[in-house]
C-alpha atoms as a PDB file:
ATOM      1  CA  UNK A   1     130.172  35.056  39.003  1.00  0.00           C
ATOM      2  CA  UNK A   2     127.249  35.926  36.795  1.00  0.00           C
ATOM      3  CA  UNK A   3     128.023  38.213  33.881  1.00  0.00           C
ATOM      4  CA  UNK A   4     125.505  40.639  32.440  1.00  0.00           C
ATOM      5  CA  UNK A   5     124.756  40.755  28.714  1.00  0.00           C
ATOM      6  CA  UNK A   6     125.414  44.499  28.773  1.00  0.00           C
ATOM      7  CA  UNK A   7     127.653  46.764  30.803  1.00  0.00           C
ATOM      8  CA  UNK A   8     126.383  48.188  34.060  1.00  0.00           C
ATOM      9  CA  UNK A   9     129.456  50.416  34.025  1.00  0.00           C
ATOM     10  CA  UNK A  10     131.250  50.755  30.756  1.00  0.00           C
ATOM     11  CA  UNK A  11     134.234  51.948  28.820  1.00  0.00           C
ATOM     12  CA  UNK A  12     135.174  55.590  28.294  1.00  0.00           C
ATOM     13  CA  UNK A  13     133.923  58.000  25.695  1.00  0.00           C
ATOM     14  CA  UNK A  14     134.177  61.703  25.012  1.00  0.00           C
ATOM     15  CA  UNK A  15     131.446  63.797  26.614  1.00  0.00           C
ATOM     16  CA  UNK A  16     130.662  65.185  23.169  1.00  0.00           C
ATOM     17  CA  UNK A  17     129.086  61.823  22.357  1.00  0.00           C
ATOM     18  CA  UNK A  18     125.990  63.203  24.087  1.00  0.00           C
ATOM     19  CA  UNK A  19     125.740  65.716  21.265  1.00  0.00           C
ATOM     20  CA  UNK A  20     125.941  62.936  18.702  1.00  0.00           C
ATOM     21  CA  UNK A  21     123.275  60.973  20.572  1.00  0.00           C
ATOM     22  CA  UNK A  22     120.866  63.921  20.506  1.00  0.00           C
ATOM     23  CA  UNK A  23     121.547  65.881  17.302  1.00  0.00           C
ATOM     24  CA  UNK A  24     117.987  67.235  17.246  1.00  0.00           C
ATOM     25  CA  UNK A  25     117.914  68.451  20.859  1.00  0.00           C
ATOM     26  CA  UNK A  26     119.022  72.085  20.833  1.00  0.00           C
ATOM     27  CA  UNK A  27     118.895  72.329  24.657  1.00  0.00           C
ATOM     28  CA  UNK A  28     121.270  69.390  25.169  1.00  0.00           C
ATOM     29  CA  UNK A  29     123.512  70.797  22.460  1.00  0.00           C
ATOM     30  CA  UNK A  30     123.657  74.225  24.076  1.00  0.00           C
ATOM     31  CA  UNK A  31     124.216  72.991  27.624  1.00  0.00           C
ATOM     32  CA  UNK A  32     126.996  70.565  26.746  1.00  0.00           C
ATOM     33  CA  UNK A  33     128.706  73.196  24.599  1.00  0.00           C
ATOM     34  CA  UNK A  34     128.441  75.752  27.420  1.00  0.00           C
ATOM     35  CA  UNK A  35     129.863  73.221  29.826  1.00  0.00           C
ATOM     36  CA  UNK A  36     132.783  72.499  27.524  1.00  0.00           C
ATOM     37  CA  UNK A  37     133.450  76.201  26.984  1.00  0.00           C
ATOM     38  CA  UNK A  38     133.890  76.835  30.689  1.00  0.00           C
ATOM     39  CA  UNK A  39     135.467  73.391  31.296  1.00  0.00           C
ATOM     40  CA  UNK A  40     134.121  73.058  34.822  1.00  0.00           C
ATOM     41  CA  UNK A  41     135.372  69.502  34.581  1.00  0.00           C
ATOM     42  CA  UNK A  42     137.134  67.526  31.896  1.00  0.00           C
ATOM     43  CA  UNK A  43     136.083  66.254  28.499  1.00  0.00           C
ATOM     44  CA  UNK A  44     135.455  62.623  29.318  1.00  0.00           C
ATOM     45  CA  UNK A  45     132.713  60.616  30.947  1.00  0.00           C
ATOM     46  CA  UNK A  46     132.075  57.170  32.294  1.00  0.00           C
ATOM     47  CA  UNK A  47     128.554  55.880  32.174  1.00  0.00           C
ATOM     48  CA  UNK A  48     126.154  53.376  33.619  1.00  0.00           C
ATOM     49  CA  UNK A  49     124.141  51.440  31.106  1.00  0.00           C
ATOM     50  CA  UNK A  50     120.437  51.024  31.586  1.00  0.00           C
ATOM     51  CA  UNK A  51     121.478  47.921  33.474  1.00  0.00           C
ATOM     52  CA  UNK A  52     118.643  46.031  35.080  1.00  0.00           C
ATOM     53  CA  UNK A  53     115.417  47.063  33.428  1.00  0.00           C
ATOM     54  CA  UNK A  54     113.478  49.232  35.836  1.00  0.00           C
ATOM     55  CA  UNK A  55     116.648  50.234  37.668  1.00  0.00           C
ATOM     56  CA  UNK A  56     116.185  53.623  39.301  1.00  0.00           C
ATOM     57  CA  UNK A  57     118.352  56.576  38.410  1.00  0.00           C
ATOM     58  CA  UNK A  58     119.956  56.737  41.828  1.00  0.00           C
ATOM     59  CA  UNK A  59     120.681  53.021  41.736  1.00  0.00           C
ATOM     60  CA  UNK A  60     122.804  53.765  38.664  1.00  0.00           C
ATOM     61  CA  UNK A  61     124.377  56.672  40.501  1.00  0.00           C
ATOM     62  CA  UNK A  62     125.281  54.418  43.410  1.00  0.00           C
ATOM     63  CA  UNK A  63     127.156  52.037  41.121  1.00  0.00           C
ATOM     64  CA  UNK A  64     128.937  54.967  39.542  1.00  0.00           C
ATOM     65  CA  UNK A  65     129.769  57.066  42.595  1.00  0.00           C
ATOM     66  CA  UNK A  66     131.023  54.049  44.522  1.00  0.00           C
ATOM     67  CA  UNK A  67     133.202  52.892  41.635  1.00  0.00           C
ATOM     68  CA  UNK A  68     134.642  56.363  41.111  1.00  0.00           C
ATOM     69  CA  UNK A  69     134.693  57.560  44.697  1.00  0.00           C
ATOM     70  CA  UNK A  70     136.605  54.707  46.290  1.00  0.00           C
ATOM     71  CA  UNK A  71     139.888  55.113  44.378  1.00  0.00           C
ATOM     72  CA  UNK A  72     139.942  58.806  45.261  1.00  0.00           C
ATOM     73  CA  UNK A  73     139.079  58.136  48.888  1.00  0.00           C
ATOM     74  CA  UNK A  74     141.816  55.528  49.278  1.00  0.00           C
ATOM     75  CA  UNK A  75     144.703  57.613  47.936  1.00  0.00           C
ATOM     76  CA  UNK A  76     147.296  57.830  50.671  1.00  0.00           C
ATOM     77  CA  UNK A  77     147.596  55.776  53.855  1.00  0.00           C
ATOM     78  CA  UNK A  78     145.757  58.337  55.994  1.00  0.00           C
ATOM     79  CA  UNK A  79     142.761  58.461  53.636  1.00  0.00           C
ATOM     80  CA  UNK A  80     142.710  54.669  53.465  1.00  0.00           C
ATOM     81  CA  UNK A  81     142.695  54.342  57.228  1.00  0.00           C
ATOM     82  CA  UNK A  82     139.981  56.969  57.734  1.00  0.00           C
ATOM     83  CA  UNK A  83     137.676  55.629  55.050  1.00  0.00           C
ATOM     84  CA  UNK A  84     138.045  51.989  56.092  1.00  0.00           C
ATOM     85  CA  UNK A  85     137.319  53.010  59.671  1.00  0.00           C
ATOM     86  CA  UNK A  86     134.134  54.735  58.539  1.00  0.00           C
ATOM     87  CA  UNK A  87     133.071  51.714  56.479  1.00  0.00           C
ATOM     88  CA  UNK A  88     133.704  49.379  59.408  1.00  0.00           C
ATOM     89  CA  UNK A  89     131.386  51.529  61.521  1.00  0.00           C
ATOM     90  CA  UNK A  90     128.475  51.265  59.098  1.00  0.00           C
ATOM     91  CA  UNK A  91     127.101  47.965  60.491  1.00  0.00           C
ATOM     92  CA  UNK A  92     126.613  49.811  63.802  1.00  0.00           C
ATOM     93  CA  UNK A  93     124.549  52.421  61.927  1.00  0.00           C
ATOM     94  CA  UNK A  94     122.282  49.694  60.580  1.00  0.00           C
ATOM     95  CA  UNK A  95     121.946  47.993  63.958  1.00  0.00           C
ATOM     96  CA  UNK A  96     121.044  51.336  65.560  1.00  0.00           C
ATOM     97  CA  UNK A  97     118.330  51.788  62.928  1.00  0.00           C
ATOM     98  CA  UNK A  98     116.786  48.411  63.779  1.00  0.00           C
ATOM     99  CA  UNK A  99     118.205  46.205  61.013  1.00  0.00           C
ATOM    100  CA  UNK A 100     119.097  42.646  61.998  1.00  0.00           C
ATOM    101  CA  UNK A 101     122.721  41.753  61.284  1.00  0.00           C
ATOM    102  CA  UNK A 102     121.984  38.493  59.473  1.00  0.00           C
ATOM    103  CA  UNK A 103     119.889  40.447  56.968  1.00  0.00           C
ATOM    104  CA  UNK A 104     122.656  42.827  55.908  1.00  0.00           C
ATOM    105  CA  UNK A 105     125.973  41.072  56.694  1.00  0.00           C
ATOM    106  CA  UNK A 106     126.294  39.493  53.234  1.00  0.00           C
ATOM    107  CA  UNK A 107     125.657  42.857  51.562  1.00  0.00           C
ATOM    108  CA  UNK A 108     128.183  44.573  53.819  1.00  0.00           C
ATOM    109  CA  UNK A 109     130.813  41.928  53.056  1.00  0.00           C
ATOM    110  CA  UNK A 110     130.356  42.514  49.329  1.00  0.00           C
ATOM    111  CA  UNK A 111     130.847  46.248  49.786  1.00  0.00           C
ATOM    112  CA  UNK A 112     133.845  45.879  52.075  1.00  0.00           C
ATOM    113  CA  UNK A 113     135.498  43.477  49.631  1.00  0.00           C
ATOM    114  CA  UNK A 114     135.489  46.295  47.058  1.00  0.00           C
ATOM    115  CA  UNK A 115     137.172  48.628  49.559  1.00  0.00           C
ATOM    116  CA  UNK A 116     139.879  46.023  50.079  1.00  0.00           C
ATOM    117  CA  UNK A 117     140.182  45.449  46.321  1.00  0.00           C
ATOM    118  CA  UNK A 118     140.737  49.145  45.654  1.00  0.00           C
ATOM    119  CA  UNK A 119     143.312  49.298  48.440  1.00  0.00           C
ATOM    120  CA  UNK A 120     145.264  46.343  47.025  1.00  0.00           C
ATOM    121  CA  UNK A 121     144.721  46.832  43.302  1.00  0.00           C
ATOM    122  CA  UNK A 122     142.300  49.570  42.240  1.00  0.00           C
ATOM    123  CA  UNK A 123     142.912  49.071  38.539  1.00  0.00           C
ATOM    124  CA  UNK A 124     140.209  50.003  36.052  1.00  0.00           C
ATOM    125  CA  UNK A 125     139.924  46.427  34.819  1.00  0.00           C
ATOM    126  CA  UNK A 126     139.439  45.057  38.343  1.00  0.00           C
ATOM    127  CA  UNK A 127     136.728  47.564  39.200  1.00  0.00           C
ATOM    128  CA  UNK A 128     134.927  47.002  35.907  1.00  0.00           C
ATOM    129  CA  UNK A 129     134.897  43.263  36.514  1.00  0.00           C
ATOM    130  CA  UNK A 130     133.352  43.684  39.964  1.00  0.00           C
ATOM    131  CA  UNK A 131     130.767  46.309  39.055  1.00  0.00           C
ATOM    132  CA  UNK A 132     129.714  44.556  35.855  1.00  0.00           C
ATOM    133  CA  UNK A 133     129.010  41.318  37.682  1.00  0.00           C
ATOM    134  CA  UNK A 134     125.258  41.578  38.272  1.00  0.00           C
ATOM    135  CA  UNK A 135     125.161  39.564  41.487  1.00  0.00           C
ATOM    136  CA  UNK A 136     128.117  41.260  43.162  1.00  0.00           C
ATOM    137  CA  UNK A 137     127.136  44.721  41.983  1.00  0.00           C
ATOM    138  CA  UNK A 138     123.561  44.320  43.218  1.00  0.00           C
ATOM    139  CA  UNK A 139     124.730  43.178  46.664  1.00  0.00           C
ATOM    140  CA  UNK A 140     126.897  46.284  46.915  1.00  0.00           C
ATOM    141  CA  UNK A 141     124.050  48.556  45.875  1.00  0.00           C
ATOM    142  CA  UNK A 142     121.628  46.834  48.252  1.00  0.00           C
ATOM    143  CA  UNK A 143     123.993  47.542  51.118  1.00  0.00           C
ATOM    144  CA  UNK A 144     124.240  51.183  50.087  1.00  0.00           C
ATOM    145  CA  UNK A 145     120.449  51.417  50.028  1.00  0.00           C
ATOM    146  CA  UNK A 146     120.190  49.904  53.511  1.00  0.00           C
ATOM    147  CA  UNK A 147     122.902  52.238  54.757  1.00  0.00           C
ATOM    148  CA  UNK A 148     121.044  55.204  53.267  1.00  0.00           C
ATOM    149  CA  UNK A 149     117.865  54.073  54.990  1.00  0.00           C
ATOM    150  CA  UNK A 150     119.668  53.658  58.312  1.00  0.00           C
ATOM    151  CA  UNK A 151     121.246  57.104  58.032  1.00  0.00           C
ATOM    152  CA  UNK A 152     117.845  58.686  57.431  1.00  0.00           C
ATOM    153  CA  UNK A 153     116.174  56.764  60.269  1.00  0.00           C
ATOM    154  CA  UNK A 154     118.939  57.625  62.719  1.00  0.00           C
ATOM    155  CA  UNK A 155     118.502  61.304  61.875  1.00  0.00           C
ATOM    156  CA  UNK A 156     114.738  61.305  61.571  1.00  0.00           C
ATOM    157  CA  UNK A 157     114.363  64.711  63.240  1.00  0.00           C
ATOM    158  CA  UNK A 158     116.344  66.290  60.406  1.00  0.00           C
ATOM    159  CA  UNK A 159     115.037  64.338  57.413  1.00  0.00           C
ATOM    160  CA  UNK A 160     111.334  64.401  58.303  1.00  0.00           C
ATOM    161  CA  UNK A 161     111.234  68.061  57.249  1.00  0.00           C
ATOM    162  CA  UNK A 162     111.978  66.997  53.657  1.00  0.00           C
ATOM    163  CA  UNK A 163     109.369  64.238  53.439  1.00  0.00           C
ATOM    164  CA  UNK A 164     105.729  64.928  52.625  1.00  0.00           C
ATOM    165  CA  UNK A 165     103.143  64.671  55.354  1.00  0.00           C
ATOM    166  CA  UNK A 166     101.571  61.623  53.715  1.00  0.00           C
ATOM    167  CA  UNK A 167     104.535  59.439  54.832  1.00  0.00           C
ATOM    168  CA  UNK A 168     106.489  58.970  58.031  1.00  0.00           C
ATOM    169  CA  UNK A 169     110.219  58.170  58.041  1.00  0.00           C
ATOM    170  CA  UNK A 170     109.695  54.424  58.373  1.00  0.00           C
ATOM    171  CA  UNK A 171     107.293  54.218  55.436  1.00  0.00           C
ATOM    172  CA  UNK A 172     109.479  56.485  53.314  1.00  0.00           C
ATOM    173  CA  UNK A 173     112.527  54.272  53.838  1.00  0.00           C
ATOM    174  CA  UNK A 174     110.552  51.069  53.298  1.00  0.00           C
ATOM    175  CA  UNK A 175     108.976  52.191  50.031  1.00  0.00           C
ATOM    176  CA  UNK A 176     111.324  54.842  48.591  1.00  0.00           C
ATOM    177  CA  UNK A 177     114.834  53.958  49.766  1.00  0.00           C
ATOM    178  CA  UNK A 178     115.389  50.267  50.381  1.00  0.00           C
ATOM    179  CA  UNK A 179     113.794  48.575  47.305  1.00  0.00           C
ATOM    180  CA  UNK A 180     116.234  48.105  44.439  1.00  0.00           C
ATOM    181  CA  UNK A 181     113.950  49.225  41.618  1.00  0.00           C
ATOM    182  CA  UNK A 182     112.854  52.573  43.035  1.00  0.00           C
ATOM    183  CA  UNK A 183     113.876  56.003  41.795  1.00  0.00           C
ATOM    184  CA  UNK A 184     115.537  58.215  44.383  1.00  0.00           C
ATOM    185  CA  UNK A 185     116.049  61.938  44.779  1.00  0.00           C
ATOM    186  CA  UNK A 186     117.971  64.578  46.709  1.00  0.00           C
ATOM    187  CA  UNK A 187     117.112  63.142  50.132  1.00  0.00           C
ATOM    188  CA  UNK A 188     118.661  59.762  49.394  1.00  0.00           C
ATOM    189  CA  UNK A 189     121.717  61.211  47.652  1.00  0.00           C
ATOM    190  CA  UNK A 190     122.298  63.595  50.565  1.00  0.00           C
ATOM    191  CA  UNK A 191     122.013  60.790  53.106  1.00  0.00           C
ATOM    192  CA  UNK A 192     124.332  58.396  51.271  1.00  0.00           C
ATOM    193  CA  UNK A 193     127.011  60.997  50.594  1.00  0.00           C
ATOM    194  CA  UNK A 194     127.038  61.941  54.284  1.00  0.00           C
ATOM    195  CA  UNK A 195     126.925  58.335  55.460  1.00  0.00           C
ATOM    196  CA  UNK A 196     130.181  57.528  53.632  1.00  0.00           C
ATOM    197  CA  UNK A 197     131.730  61.010  53.706  1.00  0.00           C
ATOM    198  CA  UNK A 198     131.942  61.094  49.907  1.00  0.00           C
ATOM    199  CA  UNK A 199     131.011  64.561  48.673  1.00  0.00           C
ATOM    200  CA  UNK A 200     129.753  64.728  45.115  1.00  0.00           C
ATOM    201  CA  UNK A 201     128.559  67.287  42.618  1.00  0.00           C
ATOM    202  CA  UNK A 202     125.775  66.606  40.131  1.00  0.00           C
ATOM    203  CA  UNK A 203     125.656  68.669  36.952  1.00  0.00           C
ATOM    204  CA  UNK A 204     122.214  68.687  35.369  1.00  0.00           C
ATOM    205  CA  UNK A 205     121.730  68.518  31.617  1.00  0.00           C
ATOM    206  CA  UNK A 206     117.940  68.458  31.578  1.00  0.00           C
ATOM    207  CA  UNK A 207     115.430  69.450  28.922  1.00  0.00           C
ATOM    208  CA  UNK A 208     114.463  72.707  30.604  1.00  0.00           C
ATOM    209  CA  UNK A 209     115.491  75.763  28.610  1.00  0.00           C
ATOM    210  CA  UNK A 210     117.501  77.187  31.501  1.00  0.00           C
ATOM    211  CA  UNK A 211     121.146  77.646  32.379  1.00  0.00           C
ATOM    212  CA  UNK A 212     123.291  74.620  33.136  1.00  0.00           C
ATOM    213  CA  UNK A 213     123.170  74.125  36.896  1.00  0.00           C
ATOM    214  CA  UNK A 214     124.712  71.876  39.492  1.00  0.00           C
ATOM    215  CA  UNK A 215     124.209  70.781  43.091  1.00  0.00           C
ATOM    216  CA  UNK A 216     126.755  69.666  45.680  1.00  0.00           C
ATOM    217  CA  UNK A 217     125.938  66.892  48.171  1.00  0.00           C
ATOM    218  CA  UNK A 218     126.206  67.717  51.016  1.00  0.00           C
ATOM    219  CA  UNK A 219     125.928  71.464  50.528  1.00  0.00           C
ATOM    220  CA  UNK A 220     129.140  73.516  50.851  1.00  0.00           C
ATOM    221  CA  UNK A 221     131.330  70.398  50.716  1.00  0.00           C
ATOM    222  CA  UNK A 222     134.306  70.026  48.388  1.00  0.00           C
ATOM    223  CA  UNK A 223     133.307  67.321  45.897  1.00  0.00           C
ATOM    224  CA  UNK A 224     135.551  64.393  45.056  1.00  0.00           C
ATOM    225  CA  UNK A 225     133.070  62.799  42.623  1.00  0.00           C
ATOM    226  CA  UNK A 226     131.320  64.572  39.739  1.00  0.00           C
ATOM    227  CA  UNK A 227     128.202  63.198  38.061  1.00  0.00           C
ATOM    228  CA  UNK A 228     126.418  64.329  34.916  1.00  0.00           C
ATOM    229  CA  UNK A 229     122.641  63.794  35.069  1.00  0.00           C
ATOM    230  CA  UNK A 230     120.616  63.517  31.889  1.00  0.00           C
ATOM    231  CA  UNK A 231     117.051  62.170  31.772  1.00  0.00           C
ATOM    232  CA  UNK A 232     117.241  59.527  34.526  1.00  0.00           C
ATOM    233  CA  UNK A 233     120.753  58.581  33.483  1.00  0.00           C
ATOM    234  CA  UNK A 234     124.032  59.315  35.247  1.00  0.00           C
ATOM    235  CA  UNK A 235     127.573  59.520  33.929  1.00  0.00           C
ATOM    236  CA  UNK A 236     130.730  60.226  35.870  1.00  0.00           C
ATOM    237  CA  UNK A 237     132.788  63.258  34.863  1.00  0.00           C
ATOM    238  CA  UNK A 238     136.561  63.304  35.103  1.00  0.00           C
ATOM    239  CA  UNK A 239     138.990  66.167  34.846  1.00  0.00           C
ATOM    240  CA  UNK A 240     140.886  66.256  31.563  1.00  0.00           C
ATOM    241  CA  UNK A 241     144.208  65.754  33.340  1.00  0.00           C
ATOM    242  CA  UNK A 242     142.991  62.442  34.805  1.00  0.00           C
ATOM    243  CA  UNK A 243     142.175  60.651  31.601  1.00  0.00           C
ATOM    244  CA  UNK A 244     143.995  57.531  32.748  1.00  0.00           C
ATOM    245  CA  UNK A 245     141.174  56.945  35.271  1.00  0.00           C
ATOM    246  CA  UNK A 246     138.336  57.085  32.759  1.00  0.00           C
ATOM    247  CA  UNK A 247     136.026  54.107  32.499  1.00  0.00           C
ATOM    248  CA  UNK A 248     133.658  55.328  29.831  1.00  0.00           C
ATOM    249  CA  UNK A 249     130.061  55.305  28.736  1.00  0.00           C
ATOM    250  CA  UNK A 250     127.558  52.538  28.093  1.00  0.00           C
ATOM    251  CA  UNK A 251     125.031  52.480  25.295  1.00  0.00           C
ATOM    252  CA  UNK A 252     121.455  52.029  26.468  1.00  0.00           C
ATOM    253  CA  UNK A 253     120.325  48.492  25.568  1.00  0.00           C
ATOM    254  CA  UNK A 254     117.194  48.096  23.505  1.00  0.00           C
ATOM    255  CA  UNK A 255     114.053  47.247  25.415  1.00  0.00           C
END
């Protein structure tokens, strides 16, 4: 296993650390304080470090949402059975989209090994070890990117309405979904959340002087994963009564 010199997913910290990180930013200060006042979720966050330089925001989100979403999905024998069945179907999705099995089997195996790990162990330390190993973590994320691409291609009639006229579905997936170092947006998050049946809610702490807002993927679903988005950086939010599950926040490494 190859270890990174910084954490891709890191230890816990209080969400108020964002205020300490940006003492001069009145918008961040106001939005985090508003969020705490209404306590839409708990007081703690887990974060992805900057990780690989050039890593896209959604690539960080994939590491986070997978690490946080799997334990919740695998609670109870029925949930375990249903989720594993869905995961085992995903190679068929890729084959239907035109991917050759030998090009994605290794990535799928890495992802499925995490599902089995969570089922057998699921401890914070075990998940941190897996997701902070650069090689293993990248194989998992690459599979998720290929799965996202396959989901979009297999539902091209739906997704083409959200892609600009300058690109067709194939080009969009080739250039905007599959490469590891590309930023992603609502289309990719929507596709991935539906592909794995993991609903998530993103709360946006941006620099616009507007009210704190959020978006649920897919729309109208009941989220099981909550993400905080701040300037191309994602953190996972946990309810205050689930503090034992917190994994924390990573400091951005110097560039």
